[in-house]
């Protein structure tokens, strides 16, 4: 049997992970000062946002440990595993997974893929892996398809605030956008596994409208487009965007994921984005 393993940066709720048949997950850690929490397990998204408001310390994140992944893989002995993870340029997660896989000595047989993406982008890989497993494809076929997908997945995100990105040390590739732009609403993109500036827009409403325009343009003529939406404590905006994209593209309603503590620590509240396959 082929199992799916991923990490909590995919931002799947427990119900979504169960529906997609995810068999294991490495959980990123978020710490406030010397107190560390496993995201989703010891710190819910709601608790995180409350702490973000009340705790004077800025949160820091760290990747799942080798031991965390070793524990996940050990439970899947006798099976095959497709292990899909956040871009190695954004996290040390995949390095932990690779080391843990080597320690398993081939049981289970593990194929690890760097999705070169994050959050909603990762969910597209997981969804496609699930489809291929159900269709009877081999582990080698699935791994090859996942690696081919990395150049076809687009992900764009609007940040309502750049403060978290800046303080969290993830703004290096977007420095050109930071100077004097704290009142702007930049659209950033995940390009070659890294967060890069795409466009700058003056208001959130105009930025969301522009984001929708980009997605519709890129998916024009694509049959049954695959789309997923991410938001950080902005469910109403995400649902509205999902509805508008459904109407514009004539497709099923996109999956909506909420940024968990690790992603929200860098995006800040109010962020919204779209991932899609071209």
Protein backbone atom coordinates (compact mmCIF):
# COMPACT_ATOMS: atom_id res chain seq x y z
CA UNK A 1 0.00 0.00 0.00
CA UNK A 2 1.22 3.51 -0.83
CA UNK A 3 0.88 6.01 2.01
CA UNK A 4 1.06 9.80 1.96
CA UNK A 5 3.22 11.68 4.45
CA UNK A 6 3.54 15.47 4.56
CA UNK A 7 4.22 18.24 7.06
CA UNK A 8 2.05 20.69 8.95
CA UNK A 9 3.10 23.49 6.60
CA UNK A 10 0.51 22.08 4.20
CA UNK A 11 -1.99 23.63 6.65
CA UNK A 12 -4.49 20.80 6.36
CA UNK A 13 -7.08 20.51 9.09
CA UNK A 14 -7.45 17.07 10.63
CA UNK A 15 -10.65 16.57 8.62
CA UNK A 16 -8.96 17.60 5.37
CA UNK A 17 -5.95 15.36 6.05
CA UNK A 18 -8.24 12.43 6.77
CA UNK A 19 -10.26 13.04 3.60
CA UNK A 20 -7.05 13.02 1.55
CA UNK A 21 -5.80 9.86 3.23
CA UNK A 22 -2.70 11.41 4.80
CA UNK A 23 -1.07 8.71 6.93
CA UNK A 24 1.52 10.79 8.76
CA UNK A 25 2.75 14.32 9.30
CA UNK A 26 5.80 16.08 10.64
CA UNK A 27 4.74 19.01 12.81
CA UNK A 28 6.57 22.31 12.76
CA UNK A 29 7.32 23.95 16.11
CA UNK A 30 6.41 27.48 17.13
CA UNK A 31 8.04 29.04 20.16
CA UNK A 32 7.36 32.14 22.22
CA UNK A 33 10.51 32.72 24.22
CA UNK A 34 11.64 29.42 25.76
CA UNK A 35 8.22 27.77 25.41
CA UNK A 36 7.86 25.62 22.28
CA UNK A 37 4.71 24.06 20.85
CA UNK A 38 4.01 21.52 18.13
CA UNK A 39 1.66 23.27 15.74
CA UNK A 40 -1.88 21.87 15.55
CA UNK A 41 -1.04 19.32 18.27
CA UNK A 42 -0.10 21.54 21.22
CA UNK A 43 -1.07 24.90 19.74
CA UNK A 44 -4.22 25.46 17.71
CA UNK A 45 -4.50 28.20 15.13
CA UNK A 46 -6.98 30.05 17.33
CA UNK A 47 -4.68 29.86 20.37
CA UNK A 48 -1.77 31.07 18.27
CA UNK A 49 -3.57 34.20 17.07
CA UNK A 50 -4.61 34.99 20.62
CA UNK A 51 -1.00 34.64 21.80
CA UNK A 52 0.16 36.78 18.89
CA UNK A 53 -2.06 39.58 20.24
CA UNK A 54 -1.16 39.23 23.90
CA UNK A 55 2.38 37.84 24.10
CA UNK A 56 5.08 40.55 23.86
CA UNK A 57 7.54 38.00 22.44
CA UNK A 58 7.61 37.47 18.68
CA UNK A 59 7.11 33.82 17.67
CA UNK A 60 9.86 31.79 16.07
CA UNK A 61 9.49 28.59 14.07
CA UNK A 62 11.59 25.45 13.73
CA UNK A 63 11.30 22.41 11.49
CA UNK A 64 10.15 18.96 12.61
CA UNK A 65 13.07 16.93 13.92
CA UNK A 66 14.62 13.84 12.37
CA UNK A 67 13.14 11.90 15.28
CA UNK A 68 9.69 13.25 14.51
CA UNK A 69 9.82 11.87 10.98
CA UNK A 70 11.47 8.64 12.12
CA UNK A 71 8.45 8.08 14.34
CA UNK A 72 6.06 8.75 11.46
CA UNK A 73 7.86 6.42 9.05
CA UNK A 74 8.27 3.65 11.64
CA UNK A 75 4.50 3.30 11.83
CA UNK A 76 4.35 2.62 8.08
CA UNK A 77 6.77 -0.30 7.83
CA UNK A 78 5.76 -2.79 5.18
CA UNK A 79 4.22 -0.06 3.04
CA UNK A 80 5.50 2.42 0.46
CA UNK A 81 5.49 6.15 1.17
CA UNK A 82 5.27 9.27 -0.95
CA UNK A 83 6.52 12.05 1.34
CA UNK A 84 5.63 15.55 0.12
CA UNK A 85 7.16 18.61 1.76
CA UNK A 86 7.59 22.36 1.91
CA UNK A 87 10.37 23.89 -0.20
CA UNK A 88 13.81 23.29 1.29
CA UNK A 89 14.58 26.98 0.64
CA UNK A 90 11.86 27.94 3.10
CA UNK A 91 12.35 25.32 5.82
CA UNK A 92 14.64 22.58 7.06
CA UNK A 93 11.70 20.17 7.10
CA UNK A 94 12.69 18.11 4.09
CA UNK A 95 16.25 17.69 5.37
CA UNK A 96 14.83 16.09 8.52
CA UNK A 97 12.61 13.83 6.43
CA UNK A 98 15.52 12.76 4.22
CA UNK A 99 17.74 11.87 7.18
CA UNK A 100 14.91 9.95 8.85
CA UNK A 101 14.21 8.05 5.63
CA UNK A 102 17.85 6.94 5.45
CA UNK A 103 17.61 5.64 8.98
CA UNK A 104 14.69 3.38 8.03
CA UNK A 105 16.97 1.21 5.83
CA UNK A 106 14.37 0.79 3.11
CA UNK A 107 11.38 -0.19 5.28
CA UNK A 108 9.14 1.50 4.49
CA UNK A 109 10.27 2.36 0.97
CA UNK A 110 10.13 6.16 0.93
CA UNK A 111 10.07 8.57 -2.02
CA UNK A 112 10.61 12.16 -0.84
CA UNK A 113 9.61 15.13 -3.00
CA UNK A 114 10.47 18.78 -2.47
CA UNK A 115 7.28 20.44 -3.71
CA UNK A 116 9.10 23.79 -4.05
CA UNK A 117 5.92 25.24 -2.58
CA UNK A 118 4.14 25.78 0.71
CA UNK A 119 0.69 25.56 2.31
CA UNK A 120 -2.07 25.54 -0.33
CA UNK A 121 0.59 24.71 -2.91
CA UNK A 122 1.47 21.56 -0.98
CA UNK A 123 -2.20 20.56 -0.86
CA UNK A 124 -2.28 20.43 -4.66
CA UNK A 125 0.51 17.84 -4.60
CA UNK A 126 -1.22 15.84 -1.89
CA UNK A 127 -4.52 15.90 -3.76
CA UNK A 128 -2.88 14.72 -6.99
CA UNK A 129 -0.92 12.02 -5.14
CA UNK A 130 -4.17 10.78 -3.63
CA UNK A 131 -5.77 10.64 -7.08
CA UNK A 132 -2.84 8.67 -8.51
CA UNK A 133 -2.78 6.22 -5.62
CA UNK A 134 -6.49 5.57 -6.03
CA UNK A 135 -5.93 5.07 -9.78
CA UNK A 136 -3.38 2.36 -9.09
CA UNK A 137 -0.15 4.12 -10.08
CA UNK A 138 3.18 2.90 -8.74
CA UNK A 139 5.33 4.80 -6.25
CA UNK A 140 7.87 5.54 -9.00
CA UNK A 141 5.14 6.93 -11.26
CA UNK A 142 3.75 9.11 -8.50
CA UNK A 143 7.19 10.45 -7.55
CA UNK A 144 7.92 11.33 -11.18
CA UNK A 145 4.56 13.08 -11.54
CA UNK A 146 5.10 15.04 -8.33
CA UNK A 147 8.55 16.19 -9.46
CA UNK A 148 7.11 17.27 -12.81
CA UNK A 149 4.42 19.27 -11.01
CA UNK A 150 6.94 21.53 -9.28
CA UNK A 151 7.33 23.69 -12.40
CA UNK A 152 3.56 23.90 -12.94
CA UNK A 153 2.30 24.98 -9.53
CA UNK A 154 1.83 28.71 -9.01
CA UNK A 155 1.24 30.31 -5.64
CA UNK A 156 0.64 33.99 -4.98
CA UNK A 157 -0.07 35.56 -1.59
CA UNK A 158 -1.18 39.02 -0.47
CA UNK A 159 0.13 40.16 2.90
CA UNK A 160 -2.01 42.55 4.90
CA UNK A 161 1.09 43.40 6.93
CA UNK A 162 4.80 42.93 6.23
CA UNK A 163 5.82 43.24 9.86
CA UNK A 164 5.72 39.50 10.62
CA UNK A 165 7.61 38.63 7.44
CA UNK A 166 10.27 41.21 8.26
CA UNK A 167 10.68 40.29 11.93
CA UNK A 168 10.67 36.58 11.14
CA UNK A 169 13.65 36.92 8.81
CA UNK A 170 11.80 35.75 5.68
CA UNK A 171 11.88 39.10 3.90
CA UNK A 172 15.33 38.89 2.33
CA UNK A 173 14.05 38.09 -1.15
CA UNK A 174 11.45 40.82 -0.94
CA UNK A 175 13.60 43.62 0.46
CA UNK A 176 13.01 45.77 -2.61
CA UNK A 177 9.35 45.80 -1.70
CA UNK A 178 9.85 46.77 1.93
CA UNK A 179 11.30 50.26 1.74
CA UNK A 180 8.49 52.74 2.26
CA UNK A 181 5.86 50.14 1.41
CA UNK A 182 4.46 49.32 4.80
CA UNK A 183 1.16 50.88 3.75
CA UNK A 184 1.11 48.91 0.51
CA UNK A 185 -0.38 45.45 -0.02
CA UNK A 186 2.29 43.52 -1.92
CA UNK A 187 1.51 40.38 -3.86
CA UNK A 188 4.32 37.89 -3.33
CA UNK A 189 4.87 34.67 -5.22
CA UNK A 190 6.63 31.39 -4.54
CA UNK A 191 9.16 31.14 -7.37
CA UNK A 192 11.76 28.39 -7.62
CA UNK A 193 10.93 27.45 -4.06
CA UNK A 194 11.54 30.95 -2.68
CA UNK A 195 9.32 33.86 -1.73
CA UNK A 196 9.70 36.65 -4.28
CA UNK A 197 7.94 39.98 -4.98
CA UNK A 198 5.39 39.97 -7.79
CA UNK A 199 3.40 43.21 -7.72
CA UNK A 200 2.54 46.06 -5.36
CA UNK A 201 -1.01 47.33 -4.88
CA UNK A 202 -2.28 50.15 -2.67
CA UNK A 203 -5.31 48.55 -1.01
CA UNK A 204 -6.31 45.06 0.06
CA UNK A 205 -9.46 45.07 -2.05
CA UNK A 206 -7.53 46.06 -5.16
CA UNK A 207 -4.85 43.48 -4.40
CA UNK A 208 -7.45 40.70 -4.12
CA UNK A 209 -9.05 41.84 -7.37
CA UNK A 210 -5.64 41.78 -9.06
CA UNK A 211 -4.89 38.34 -7.62
CA UNK A 212 -8.15 37.02 -9.04
CA UNK A 213 -7.30 38.60 -12.40
CA UNK A 214 -3.90 36.87 -12.49
CA UNK A 215 -5.36 33.47 -11.64
CA UNK A 216 -8.19 33.70 -14.18
CA UNK A 217 -5.76 34.81 -16.89
CA UNK A 218 -3.35 31.94 -16.17
CA UNK A 219 -6.11 29.34 -16.12
CA UNK A 220 -7.99 30.57 -19.19
CA UNK A 221 -8.78 27.56 -21.33
CA UNK A 222 -7.62 25.03 -18.72
CA UNK A 223 -10.14 22.23 -18.35
CA UNK A 224 -11.05 21.35 -14.74
CA UNK A 225 -8.45 23.68 -13.18
CA UNK A 226 -6.99 22.66 -9.84
CA UNK A 227 -7.07 25.51 -7.32
CA UNK A 228 -6.57 25.88 -3.57
CA UNK A 229 -6.89 28.97 -1.37
CA UNK A 230 -5.03 29.90 1.80
CA UNK A 231 -5.90 32.55 4.37
CA UNK A 232 -4.60 33.66 7.75
CA UNK A 233 -7.49 34.48 10.08
CA UNK A 234 -9.48 35.83 7.11
CA UNK A 235 -12.16 33.17 6.46
CA UNK A 236 -14.78 35.52 5.01
CA UNK A 237 -12.35 36.95 2.45
CA UNK A 238 -11.18 33.45 1.53
CA UNK A 239 -14.71 32.15 1.03
CA UNK A 240 -15.60 35.17 -1.09
CA UNK A 241 -12.52 34.66 -3.26
CA UNK A 242 -13.35 30.95 -3.58
CA UNK A 243 -16.85 31.80 -4.77
CA UNK A 244 -15.61 34.39 -7.25
CA UNK A 245 -13.01 32.02 -8.70
CA UNK A 246 -15.59 29.23 -8.92
CA UNK A 247 -17.88 31.48 -10.93
CA UNK A 248 -15.10 32.90 -13.11
CA UNK A 249 -13.51 29.53 -13.90
CA UNK A 250 -16.65 27.42 -14.01
CA UNK A 251 -15.09 24.80 -11.76
CA UNK A 252 -15.68 23.14 -8.43
CA UNK A 253 -15.22 25.23 -5.31
CA UNK A 254 -11.50 25.34 -4.44
CA UNK A 255 -10.23 23.75 -1.25
CA UNK A 256 -9.69 26.43 1.40
CA UNK A 257 -6.96 25.96 4.01
CA UNK A 258 -6.25 28.23 6.95
CA UNK A 259 -2.63 29.07 7.64
CA UNK A 260 -1.57 27.29 10.79
CA UNK A 261 0.64 28.82 13.47
CA UNK A 262 3.93 28.24 11.61
CA UNK A 263 2.83 29.89 8.38
CA UNK A 264 0.81 32.61 10.10
CA UNK A 265 3.85 33.50 12.23
CA UNK A 266 5.45 34.80 9.03
CA UNK A 267 2.42 35.97 7.06
CA UNK A 268 0.68 37.76 9.90
CA UNK A 269 -3.13 37.89 10.14
CA UNK A 270 -5.19 38.88 7.13
CA UNK A 271 -3.03 37.25 4.45
CA UNK A 272 -4.81 35.53 1.56
CA UNK A 273 -3.45 33.59 -1.38
CA UNK A 274 -4.14 31.17 -4.20
CA UNK A 275 -2.27 28.11 -5.44
CA UNK A 276 -3.08 26.54 -8.80
CA UNK A 277 -1.78 24.14 -11.40
CA UNK A 278 -1.11 25.48 -14.92
